[in-house]
């Protein structure tokens, strides 16, 4: 959808909806990251601080999760571009 073809009020409403969706997607990604890394790495609840082993695990888990999400996003963009190119050739 191209916001340039909309009247200003509609374009502003569309922009607001897109920002809300982006925030919702970000919060979903963040929640999944926290849940996955917590369940995988935090095993000892006898201390309020993370052990060095747990801290290292959380850092590695978060790094892998974010790299995976970035890779999936790139693949999605590539496939979307291919689909758009095929559609425009018709």
Protein backbone atom coordinates (compact mmCIF):
# COMPACT_ATOMS: atom_id res chain seq x y z
CA UNK A 1 0.00 0.00 0.00
CA UNK A 2 1.38 3.39 -0.97
CA UNK A 3 0.74 6.18 1.55
CA UNK A 4 1.52 8.81 -1.12
CA UNK A 5 -1.81 8.10 -2.84
CA UNK A 6 -3.82 8.64 0.36
CA UNK A 7 -5.26 11.81 1.80
CA UNK A 8 -3.25 13.14 4.79
CA UNK A 9 -5.66 11.88 7.46
CA UNK A 10 -5.74 8.36 6.01
CA UNK A 11 -1.97 8.33 5.55
CA UNK A 12 -1.47 9.38 9.17
CA UNK A 13 -3.87 6.69 10.41
CA UNK A 14 -2.10 4.10 8.25
CA UNK A 15 1.28 5.19 9.61
CA UNK A 16 -0.04 4.86 13.17
CA UNK A 17 -1.32 1.36 12.48
CA UNK A 18 2.04 0.36 11.00
CA UNK A 19 3.89 1.71 14.06
CA UNK A 20 1.57 -0.22 16.37
CA UNK A 21 2.15 -3.41 14.38
CA UNK A 22 5.91 -2.91 14.48
CA UNK A 23 5.79 -2.38 18.26
CA UNK A 24 3.63 -5.48 18.71
CA UNK A 25 6.04 -7.53 16.57
CA UNK A 26 9.02 -6.22 18.54
CA UNK A 27 7.38 -7.03 21.88
CA UNK A 28 6.53 -10.52 20.64
CA UNK A 29 10.12 -11.08 19.54
CA UNK A 30 11.42 -9.79 22.89
CA UNK A 31 9.00 -11.95 24.90
CA UNK A 32 9.96 -15.05 22.93
CA UNK A 33 13.64 -14.27 23.45
CA UNK A 34 13.24 -13.83 27.21
CA UNK A 35 11.14 -16.96 27.62
CA UNK A 36 13.38 -19.18 25.51
CA UNK A 37 16.63 -18.05 27.09
CA UNK A 38 15.24 -18.11 30.63
CA UNK A 39 13.92 -21.65 30.24
CA UNK A 40 17.15 -22.83 28.60
CA UNK A 41 19.67 -21.14 30.85
CA UNK A 42 18.31 -20.36 34.31
CA UNK A 43 18.35 -23.49 36.45
CA UNK A 44 19.59 -22.43 39.89
CA UNK A 45 17.17 -20.32 41.94
CA UNK A 46 19.18 -20.30 45.17
CA UNK A 47 20.68 -16.90 44.33
CA UNK A 48 19.17 -13.70 42.98
CA UNK A 49 22.15 -13.22 40.65
CA UNK A 50 22.99 -15.27 37.60
CA UNK A 51 25.97 -17.55 37.83
CA UNK A 52 28.74 -16.98 35.30
CA UNK A 53 27.61 -20.13 33.48
CA UNK A 54 23.99 -18.90 33.32
CA UNK A 55 25.08 -15.43 32.23
CA UNK A 56 27.21 -16.86 29.44
CA UNK A 57 24.32 -19.10 28.37
CA UNK A 58 21.89 -16.16 28.27
CA UNK A 59 24.30 -14.07 26.20
CA UNK A 60 24.85 -16.90 23.70
CA UNK A 61 21.14 -17.69 23.58
CA UNK A 62 20.18 -14.06 22.94
CA UNK A 63 22.88 -13.69 20.29
CA UNK A 64 21.75 -16.83 18.44
CA UNK A 65 18.07 -15.89 18.72
CA UNK A 66 18.65 -12.40 17.31
CA UNK A 67 20.87 -13.69 14.49
CA UNK A 68 18.24 -16.30 13.64
CA UNK A 69 15.48 -13.67 13.59
CA UNK A 70 17.59 -11.41 11.38
CA UNK A 71 18.30 -14.28 8.98
CA UNK A 72 14.61 -15.23 8.77
CA UNK A 73 13.73 -11.59 8.10
CA UNK A 74 16.29 -11.37 5.31
CA UNK A 75 15.03 -14.59 3.72
CA UNK A 76 11.46 -13.34 3.95
CA UNK A 77 12.47 -10.08 2.25
CA UNK A 78 14.29 -11.96 -0.51
CA UNK A 79 11.32 -14.22 -1.19
CA UNK A 80 8.93 -11.28 -1.10
CA UNK A 81 11.09 -9.42 -3.63
CA UNK A 82 11.12 -12.49 -5.89
CA UNK A 83 7.34 -12.80 -5.70
CA UNK A 84 6.89 -9.11 -6.49
CA UNK A 85 9.28 -9.39 -9.46
CA UNK A 86 7.38 -12.38 -10.82
CA UNK A 87 4.05 -10.61 -10.35
CA UNK A 88 5.27 -7.50 -12.18
CA UNK A 89 6.45 -9.61 -15.14
CA UNK A 90 2.94 -10.91 -15.77
